[in-house]
Structure formats: C-alpha cells, structure tokens
C-alpha cells in the first residue's frame, strides 16, 4: 500500500470513527448497538486496509442509512445524497456481478454437464499446448 493510500485509509477511518464511536450513543441503546456493529465493521475494514469499505461506511453515515431505515433523512438534500449513494452502490454491485459472470468458475458452476465442460477444457488446453510447441519450434529454428 502506498503512502498516499495509507494516509487516505487513516483519514477515512478517523472520519468514520468520529461519527460512530459508541461513546456518542450511550443514552440511546438502539443506536449504541448499531454504533458497536458499525465500529466493528470499521475496524475490520481498517485492518484489511479496505479503503473502499471505509468510504462506503462514510457514505452510509452521510446518507443516514448507517443506523437503519428508522433514521432516514428528512430533508431533500440528504434524500438526494442517499439516492446517489444507493445508485452508486447498486452500479458497483452490478459491475461486480458482471465480472463474476465472466469468470470460468461461474460458467463451470452453471454447467451441469461436468463431463462436457472438462472435455471442452481439455480441447482448449490441447490447442494451447500445440500453439506453444509450434512457437517453440519456430523459436529454435530462428538464428
């Protein structure tokens, strides 16, 4: 992790902790439970050096979603920010899903005919091997 990323990680973590530290909610048992849960998530993200997750937590806090649906914002600006956050998160999840669907393991899991799948994989590997052998022969014949 670069020095700049480390600094970003620290700054995001501090911002999140300032907003969710359980000491702020000692008089509200419901929010205290949520604050403890969010603090655990923030600590986990910090230890994993997950800048994106910390940013998501900060976005949730800014949008009013972090403490559950009972604390939805009541003004238009906050609601618009919430919609933007949810839209961005939805788009990120759609992208991740599309990436997963492009992986061979996804295809393999969707394919109930394992014999056909492995036969096709064997053909691909044999073709790659033939190409590599041909390339090696060409390389050996080159002065």
N, C-alpha and C. Protein backbone atom coordinates (compact mmCIF):
# COMPACT_ATOMS: atom_id res chain seq x y z
N UNK A 1 0.85 -1.17 0.00
CA UNK A 1 0.00 0.00 0.00
C UNK A 1 0.90 1.24 0.00
N UNK A 2 0.59 2.17 -0.89
CA UNK A 2 1.40 3.37 -1.00
C UNK A 2 1.19 4.28 0.21
N UNK A 3 2.09 5.23 0.35
CA UNK A 3 1.99 6.16 1.46
C UNK A 3 0.70 7.00 1.36
N UNK A 4 0.36 7.37 0.13
CA UNK A 4 -0.87 8.14 -0.10
C UNK A 4 -2.11 7.32 0.27
N UNK A 5 -2.11 6.06 -0.10
CA UNK A 5 -3.24 5.19 0.25
C UNK A 5 -3.34 4.99 1.76
N UNK A 6 -2.19 4.84 2.40
CA UNK A 6 -2.17 4.69 3.85
C UNK A 6 -2.75 5.92 4.52
N UNK A 7 -2.39 7.10 4.03
CA UNK A 7 -2.91 8.35 4.57
C UNK A 7 -4.43 8.44 4.35
N UNK A 8 -4.89 8.06 3.16
CA UNK A 8 -6.32 8.07 2.87
C UNK A 8 -7.05 7.12 3.79
N UNK A 9 -6.49 5.93 3.99
CA UNK A 9 -7.09 4.93 4.88
C UNK A 9 -7.25 5.50 6.29
N UNK A 10 -6.19 6.12 6.81
CA UNK A 10 -6.23 6.69 8.16
C UNK A 10 -7.28 7.80 8.27
N UNK A 11 -7.30 8.69 7.26
CA UNK A 11 -8.25 9.80 7.30
C UNK A 11 -9.69 9.30 7.26
N UNK A 12 -9.97 8.35 6.38
CA UNK A 12 -11.32 7.80 6.30
C UNK A 12 -11.72 7.13 7.61
N UNK A 13 -10.79 6.37 8.17
CA UNK A 13 -11.06 5.68 9.43
C UNK A 13 -11.39 6.69 10.53
N UNK A 14 -10.59 7.75 10.62
CA UNK A 14 -10.84 8.77 11.65
C UNK A 14 -12.20 9.43 11.46
N UNK A 15 -12.56 9.73 10.22
CA UNK A 15 -13.86 10.35 9.95
C UNK A 15 -15.00 9.43 10.37
N UNK A 16 -14.88 8.16 10.02
CA UNK A 16 -15.91 7.19 10.36
C UNK A 16 -16.02 7.06 11.88
N UNK A 17 -14.89 6.90 12.54
CA UNK A 17 -14.89 6.71 14.00
C UNK A 17 -15.48 7.92 14.71
N UNK A 18 -15.19 9.13 14.22
CA UNK A 18 -15.76 10.33 14.85
C UNK A 18 -17.29 10.30 14.80
N UNK A 19 -17.84 9.73 13.76
CA UNK A 19 -19.30 9.71 13.61
C UNK A 19 -19.97 8.54 14.32
N UNK A 20 -19.26 7.44 14.50
CA UNK A 20 -19.93 6.24 15.04
C UNK A 20 -19.40 5.75 16.37
N UNK A 21 -18.48 6.46 16.96
CA UNK A 21 -17.91 5.96 18.21
C UNK A 21 -19.03 5.70 19.21
N UNK A 22 -19.07 4.51 19.77
CA UNK A 22 -20.16 4.13 20.69
C UNK A 22 -20.35 5.09 21.87
N UNK A 23 -19.31 5.76 22.30
CA UNK A 23 -19.44 6.70 23.41
C UNK A 23 -20.44 7.82 23.11
N UNK A 24 -20.68 8.10 21.84
CA UNK A 24 -21.61 9.16 21.45
C UNK A 24 -23.07 8.73 21.67
N UNK A 25 -23.30 7.44 21.83
CA UNK A 25 -24.68 6.94 21.86
C UNK A 25 -25.02 6.18 23.15
N UNK A 26 -24.35 6.48 24.23
CA UNK A 26 -24.59 5.76 25.49
C UNK A 26 -26.01 5.94 26.00
N UNK A 27 -26.67 7.01 25.63
CA UNK A 27 -28.03 7.27 26.10
C UNK A 27 -29.10 6.75 25.14
N UNK A 28 -28.69 6.12 24.06
CA UNK A 28 -29.65 5.59 23.07
C UNK A 28 -29.28 4.14 22.78
N UNK A 29 -29.88 3.19 23.50
CA UNK A 29 -29.49 1.78 23.37
C UNK A 29 -29.56 1.22 21.94
N UNK A 30 -30.56 1.64 21.17
CA UNK A 30 -30.67 1.14 19.79
C UNK A 30 -29.52 1.63 18.94
N UNK A 31 -29.24 2.92 19.05
CA UNK A 31 -28.12 3.47 18.26
C UNK A 31 -26.78 2.96 18.79
N UNK A 32 -26.71 2.71 20.09
CA UNK A 32 -25.48 2.18 20.66
C UNK A 32 -25.16 0.81 20.05
N UNK A 33 -26.16 -0.04 19.91
CA UNK A 33 -25.95 -1.36 19.31
C UNK A 33 -25.49 -1.21 17.86
N UNK A 34 -26.12 -0.28 17.14
CA UNK A 34 -25.71 -0.03 15.75
C UNK A 34 -24.29 0.54 15.70
N UNK A 35 -23.99 1.44 16.61
CA UNK A 35 -22.65 2.04 16.64
C UNK A 35 -21.59 0.98 16.90
N UNK A 36 -21.87 0.06 17.82
CA UNK A 36 -20.92 -1.03 18.09
C UNK A 36 -20.72 -1.89 16.85
N UNK A 37 -21.81 -2.20 16.16
CA UNK A 37 -21.74 -3.01 14.94
C UNK A 37 -20.93 -2.29 13.86
N UNK A 38 -21.22 -1.00 13.68
CA UNK A 38 -20.50 -0.21 12.67
C UNK A 38 -19.03 -0.05 13.04
N UNK A 39 -18.76 0.12 14.33
CA UNK A 39 -17.37 0.26 14.77
C UNK A 39 -16.59 -1.02 14.46
N UNK A 40 -17.21 -2.17 14.68
CA UNK A 40 -16.56 -3.44 14.37
C UNK A 40 -16.28 -3.53 12.88
N UNK A 41 -17.22 -3.09 12.05
CA UNK A 41 -17.02 -3.11 10.60
C UNK A 41 -15.89 -2.16 10.19
N UNK A 42 -15.86 -0.99 10.82
CA UNK A 42 -14.81 -0.02 10.51
C UNK A 42 -13.43 -0.57 10.90
N UNK A 43 -13.35 -1.18 12.07
CA UNK A 43 -12.07 -1.76 12.50
C UNK A 43 -11.63 -2.88 11.56
N UNK A 44 -12.57 -3.70 11.16
CA UNK A 44 -12.27 -4.80 10.24
C UNK A 44 -11.76 -4.24 8.90
N UNK A 45 -12.44 -3.22 8.39
CA UNK A 45 -12.02 -2.61 7.12
C UNK A 45 -10.65 -1.96 7.26
N UNK A 46 -10.39 -1.32 8.38
CA UNK A 46 -9.09 -0.68 8.61
C UNK A 46 -7.98 -1.72 8.66
N UNK A 47 -8.21 -2.81 9.38
CA UNK A 47 -7.20 -3.86 9.48
C UNK A 47 -6.94 -4.51 8.12
N UNK A 48 -8.00 -4.62 7.32
CA UNK A 48 -7.87 -5.23 5.98
C UNK A 48 -7.38 -4.21 4.95
N UNK A 49 -7.17 -2.97 5.39
CA UNK A 49 -6.75 -1.87 4.52
C UNK A 49 -7.73 -1.69 3.35
N UNK A 50 -9.01 -1.77 3.68
CA UNK A 50 -10.08 -1.69 2.68
C UNK A 50 -10.62 -0.26 2.63
N UNK A 51 -10.00 0.55 1.81
CA UNK A 51 -10.38 1.95 1.67
C UNK A 51 -11.82 2.06 1.15
N UNK A 52 -12.16 1.22 0.20
CA UNK A 52 -13.49 1.27 -0.39
C UNK A 52 -14.57 1.02 0.66
N UNK A 53 -14.37 0.05 1.53
CA UNK A 53 -15.36 -0.26 2.56
C UNK A 53 -15.51 0.90 3.54
N UNK A 54 -14.39 1.52 3.92
CA UNK A 54 -14.47 2.68 4.81
C UNK A 54 -15.22 3.83 4.13
N UNK A 55 -15.00 4.02 2.84
CA UNK A 55 -15.72 5.06 2.11
C UNK A 55 -17.21 4.74 2.07
N UNK A 56 -17.54 3.46 1.90
CA UNK A 56 -18.95 3.06 1.90
C UNK A 56 -19.59 3.36 3.26
N UNK A 57 -18.88 3.05 4.33
CA UNK A 57 -19.41 3.35 5.67
C UNK A 57 -19.63 4.85 5.84
N UNK A 58 -18.67 5.64 5.38
CA UNK A 58 -18.79 7.09 5.48
C UNK A 58 -19.99 7.58 4.66
N UNK A 59 -20.17 7.03 3.48
CA UNK A 59 -21.33 7.38 2.64
C UNK A 59 -22.64 7.01 3.33
N UNK A 60 -22.66 5.84 3.96
CA UNK A 60 -23.87 5.43 4.69
C UNK A 60 -24.17 6.40 5.82
N UNK A 61 -23.13 6.81 6.51
CA UNK A 61 -23.32 7.76 7.61
C UNK A 61 -23.83 9.10 7.09
N UNK A 62 -23.27 9.55 5.97
CA UNK A 62 -23.70 10.83 5.40
C UNK A 62 -25.14 10.76 4.89
N UNK A 63 -25.54 9.59 4.40
CA UNK A 63 -26.88 9.46 3.83
C UNK A 63 -27.94 9.18 4.88
N UNK A 64 -27.52 8.80 6.07
CA UNK A 64 -28.48 8.49 7.12
C UNK A 64 -28.85 7.02 7.19
N UNK A 65 -28.26 6.19 6.34
CA UNK A 65 -28.60 4.77 6.32
C UNK A 65 -27.85 3.94 7.35
N UNK A 66 -26.79 4.45 7.89
CA UNK A 66 -25.93 3.65 8.76
C UNK A 66 -26.66 3.11 9.98
N UNK A 67 -27.59 3.88 10.51
CA UNK A 67 -28.29 3.46 11.72
C UNK A 67 -29.66 2.87 11.43
N UNK A 68 -29.86 2.47 10.21
CA UNK A 68 -31.11 1.80 9.85
C UNK A 68 -32.12 2.72 9.21
N UNK A 69 -33.18 2.12 8.71
CA UNK A 69 -34.19 2.87 7.98
C UNK A 69 -35.00 3.81 8.85
N UNK A 70 -34.98 3.59 10.17
CA UNK A 70 -35.74 4.48 11.04
C UNK A 70 -35.10 5.86 11.14
N UNK A 71 -33.88 5.98 10.65
CA UNK A 71 -33.20 7.27 10.73
C UNK A 71 -32.98 7.87 9.34
N UNK A 72 -33.90 7.61 8.43
CA UNK A 72 -33.80 8.20 7.09
C UNK A 72 -33.83 9.72 7.18
N UNK A 73 -33.10 10.37 6.28
CA UNK A 73 -33.08 11.83 6.30
C UNK A 73 -34.46 12.41 5.99
N UNK A 74 -34.69 13.59 6.52
CA UNK A 74 -35.99 14.20 6.31
C UNK A 74 -35.94 15.47 5.47
N UNK A 75 -34.78 15.78 4.91
CA UNK A 75 -34.73 16.93 4.01
C UNK A 75 -34.30 16.48 2.62
N UNK A 76 -34.62 17.27 1.64
CA UNK A 76 -34.44 16.89 0.24
C UNK A 76 -32.97 16.68 -0.13
N UNK A 77 -32.07 17.48 0.41
CA UNK A 77 -30.65 17.35 0.07
C UNK A 77 -30.10 16.00 0.55
N UNK A 78 -30.46 15.65 1.78
CA UNK A 78 -29.98 14.38 2.33
C UNK A 78 -30.61 13.20 1.59
N UNK A 79 -31.86 13.33 1.22
CA UNK A 79 -32.52 12.27 0.45
C UNK A 79 -31.86 12.11 -0.92
N UNK A 80 -31.52 13.22 -1.56
CA UNK A 80 -30.85 13.15 -2.85
C UNK A 80 -29.47 12.49 -2.71
N UNK A 81 -28.78 12.82 -1.63
CA UNK A 81 -27.48 12.21 -1.38
C UNK A 81 -27.64 10.71 -1.13
N UNK A 82 -28.67 10.34 -0.42
CA UNK A 82 -28.96 8.94 -0.17
C UNK A 82 -29.23 8.20 -1.49
N UNK A 83 -30.03 8.80 -2.34
CA UNK A 83 -30.32 8.19 -3.64
C UNK A 83 -29.04 8.03 -4.45
N UNK A 84 -28.18 9.04 -4.46
CA UNK A 84 -26.91 8.95 -5.18
C UNK A 84 -26.04 7.84 -4.62
N UNK A 85 -25.98 7.74 -3.30
CA UNK A 85 -25.17 6.69 -2.66
C UNK A 85 -25.70 5.31 -3.02
N UNK A 86 -27.00 5.14 -2.92
CA UNK A 86 -27.59 3.84 -3.24
C UNK A 86 -27.43 3.50 -4.72
N UNK A 87 -27.57 4.50 -5.58
CA UNK A 87 -27.40 4.27 -7.02
C UNK A 87 -25.96 3.87 -7.32
N UNK A 88 -25.01 4.57 -6.72
CA UNK A 88 -23.59 4.24 -6.93
C UNK A 88 -23.29 2.84 -6.42
N UNK A 89 -23.83 2.49 -5.26
CA UNK A 89 -23.60 1.15 -4.70
C UNK A 89 -24.22 0.08 -5.58
N UNK A 90 -25.44 0.34 -6.08
CA UNK A 90 -26.09 -0.60 -7.00
C UNK A 90 -25.24 -0.82 -8.25
N UNK A 91 -24.73 0.28 -8.82
CA UNK A 91 -23.91 0.18 -10.02
C UNK A 91 -22.63 -0.61 -9.76
N UNK A 92 -22.02 -0.40 -8.59
CA UNK A 92 -20.81 -1.16 -8.22
C UNK A 92 -21.13 -2.65 -8.12
N UNK A 93 -22.26 -2.97 -7.51
CA UNK A 93 -22.64 -4.38 -7.37
C UNK A 93 -22.96 -5.02 -8.72
N UNK A 94 -23.60 -4.28 -9.60
CA UNK A 94 -23.89 -4.80 -10.95
C UNK A 94 -22.58 -5.08 -11.67
N UNK A 95 -21.62 -4.18 -11.57
CA UNK A 95 -20.32 -4.37 -12.21
C UNK A 95 -19.62 -5.61 -11.65
N UNK A 96 -19.62 -5.77 -10.33
CA UNK A 96 -19.00 -6.95 -9.71
C UNK A 96 -19.68 -8.22 -10.18
N UNK A 97 -21.01 -8.19 -10.28
CA UNK A 97 -21.75 -9.36 -10.74
C UNK A 97 -21.37 -9.70 -12.17
N UNK A 98 -21.29 -8.71 -13.03
CA UNK A 98 -20.90 -8.96 -14.43
C UNK A 98 -19.48 -9.53 -14.52
N UNK A 99 -18.59 -9.01 -13.68
CA UNK A 99 -17.22 -9.53 -13.67
C UNK A 99 -17.21 -10.99 -13.24
N UNK A 100 -17.97 -11.30 -12.21
CA UNK A 100 -18.05 -12.69 -11.74
C UNK A 100 -18.63 -13.61 -12.80
N UNK A 101 -19.62 -13.13 -13.53
CA UNK A 101 -20.26 -13.94 -14.56
C UNK A 101 -19.33 -14.21 -15.73
N UNK A 102 -18.27 -13.43 -15.89
CA UNK A 102 -17.31 -13.63 -16.97
C UNK A 102 -16.24 -14.67 -16.61
N UNK A 103 -16.14 -15.01 -15.34
CA UNK A 103 -15.11 -15.93 -14.90
C UNK A 103 -15.48 -17.37 -15.24
N UNK A 104 -14.46 -18.17 -15.50
CA UNK A 104 -14.69 -19.57 -15.86
C UNK A 104 -15.35 -20.34 -14.73
N UNK A 105 -15.04 -20.00 -13.50
CA UNK A 105 -15.64 -20.72 -12.38
C UNK A 105 -17.15 -20.50 -12.34
N UNK A 106 -17.60 -19.31 -12.73
CA UNK A 106 -19.04 -19.06 -12.79
C UNK A 106 -19.67 -19.94 -13.86
N UNK A 107 -19.01 -20.00 -15.02
CA UNK A 107 -19.53 -20.83 -16.10
C UNK A 107 -19.56 -22.29 -15.66
N UNK A 108 -18.50 -22.72 -15.00
CA UNK A 108 -18.44 -24.11 -14.56
C UNK A 108 -19.55 -24.42 -13.56
N UNK A 109 -19.82 -23.49 -12.68
CA UNK A 109 -20.87 -23.71 -11.69
C UNK A 109 -22.25 -23.74 -12.33
N UNK A 110 -22.42 -23.04 -13.43
CA UNK A 110 -23.70 -23.01 -14.12
C UNK A 110 -23.90 -24.20 -15.05
N UNK A 111 -22.81 -24.92 -15.33
CA UNK A 111 -22.85 -26.01 -16.30
C UNK A 111 -23.06 -27.34 -15.58
N UNK A 112 -24.24 -27.94 -15.72
CA UNK A 112 -24.49 -29.19 -15.00
C UNK A 112 -23.80 -30.41 -15.63
N UNK A 113 -23.36 -30.28 -16.87
CA UNK A 113 -22.72 -31.40 -17.56
C UNK A 113 -21.21 -31.29 -17.41
N UNK A 114 -20.70 -31.82 -16.29
CA UNK A 114 -19.28 -31.69 -15.98
C UNK A 114 -18.39 -32.39 -16.99
N UNK A 115 -18.82 -33.51 -17.49
CA UNK A 115 -18.00 -34.23 -18.48
C UNK A 115 -17.80 -33.39 -19.71
N UNK A 116 -18.86 -32.76 -20.20
CA UNK A 116 -18.75 -31.90 -21.38
C UNK A 116 -17.86 -30.69 -21.08
N UNK A 117 -18.02 -30.13 -19.89
CA UNK A 117 -17.21 -28.98 -19.52
C UNK A 117 -15.73 -29.33 -19.53
N UNK A 118 -15.37 -30.44 -18.86
CA UNK A 118 -13.96 -30.83 -18.79
C UNK A 118 -13.43 -31.28 -20.14
N UNK A 119 -14.27 -31.86 -20.97
CA UNK A 119 -13.85 -32.24 -22.32
C UNK A 119 -13.52 -30.98 -23.12
N UNK A 120 -14.36 -29.96 -23.00
CA UNK A 120 -14.11 -28.69 -23.69
C UNK A 120 -12.83 -28.03 -23.17
N UNK A 121 -12.62 -28.10 -21.86
CA UNK A 121 -11.40 -27.54 -21.27
C UNK A 121 -10.17 -28.29 -21.78
N UNK A 122 -10.27 -29.60 -21.89
CA UNK A 122 -9.16 -30.40 -22.40
C UNK A 122 -8.82 -30.00 -23.83
N UNK A 123 -9.84 -29.77 -24.65
CA UNK A 123 -9.60 -29.34 -26.03
C UNK A 123 -8.89 -27.99 -26.04
N UNK A 124 -9.32 -27.06 -25.21
CA UNK A 124 -8.67 -25.74 -25.14
C UNK A 124 -7.21 -25.88 -24.73
N UNK A 125 -6.95 -26.71 -23.73
CA UNK A 125 -5.58 -26.89 -23.26
C UNK A 125 -4.71 -27.56 -24.31
N UNK A 126 -5.27 -28.52 -25.02
CA UNK A 126 -4.51 -29.17 -26.09
C UNK A 126 -4.18 -28.18 -27.20
N UNK A 127 -5.10 -27.30 -27.53
CA UNK A 127 -4.83 -26.27 -28.53
C UNK A 127 -3.73 -25.32 -28.07
N UNK A 128 -3.80 -24.92 -26.81
CA UNK A 128 -2.75 -24.05 -26.27
C UNK A 128 -1.40 -24.74 -26.29
N UNK A 129 -1.38 -26.03 -25.94
CA UNK A 129 -0.14 -26.79 -25.95
C UNK A 129 0.42 -26.87 -27.36
N UNK A 130 -0.42 -27.12 -28.34
CA UNK A 130 0.03 -27.18 -29.74
C UNK A 130 0.60 -25.84 -30.17
N UNK A 131 -0.05 -24.76 -29.80
CA UNK A 131 0.44 -23.43 -30.15
C UNK A 131 1.79 -23.15 -29.51
N UNK A 132 1.94 -23.55 -28.25
CA UNK A 132 3.22 -23.34 -27.56
C UNK A 132 4.33 -24.17 -28.18
N UNK A 133 4.02 -25.41 -28.56
CA UNK A 133 5.01 -26.26 -29.21
C UNK A 133 5.43 -25.67 -30.55
N UNK A 134 4.46 -25.19 -31.32
CA UNK A 134 4.76 -24.57 -32.62
C UNK A 134 5.63 -23.34 -32.42
N UNK A 135 5.31 -22.53 -31.43
CA UNK A 135 6.11 -21.34 -31.14
C UNK A 135 7.53 -21.73 -30.74
N UNK A 136 7.66 -22.78 -29.93
CA UNK A 136 8.99 -23.24 -29.51
C UNK A 136 9.80 -23.73 -30.70
N UNK A 137 9.15 -24.45 -31.63
CA UNK A 137 9.85 -24.91 -32.83
C UNK A 137 10.32 -23.72 -33.66
N UNK A 138 9.45 -22.71 -33.82
CA UNK A 138 9.83 -21.53 -34.58
C UNK A 138 10.98 -20.80 -33.90
N UNK A 139 10.94 -20.69 -32.59
CA UNK A 139 11.99 -20.02 -31.85
C UNK A 139 13.32 -20.75 -31.97
N UNK A 140 13.27 -22.09 -31.97
CA UNK A 140 14.51 -22.88 -32.06
C UNK A 140 15.10 -22.83 -33.46
N UNK A 141 14.29 -22.62 -34.48
CA UNK A 141 14.78 -22.55 -35.87
C UNK A 141 15.25 -21.16 -36.22
N UNK A 142 14.97 -20.17 -35.39
CA UNK A 142 15.40 -18.81 -35.66
C UNK A 142 16.84 -18.64 -35.23
N UNK A 143 17.68 -18.06 -36.13
CA UNK A 143 19.10 -17.88 -35.77
C UNK A 143 19.32 -16.84 -34.71
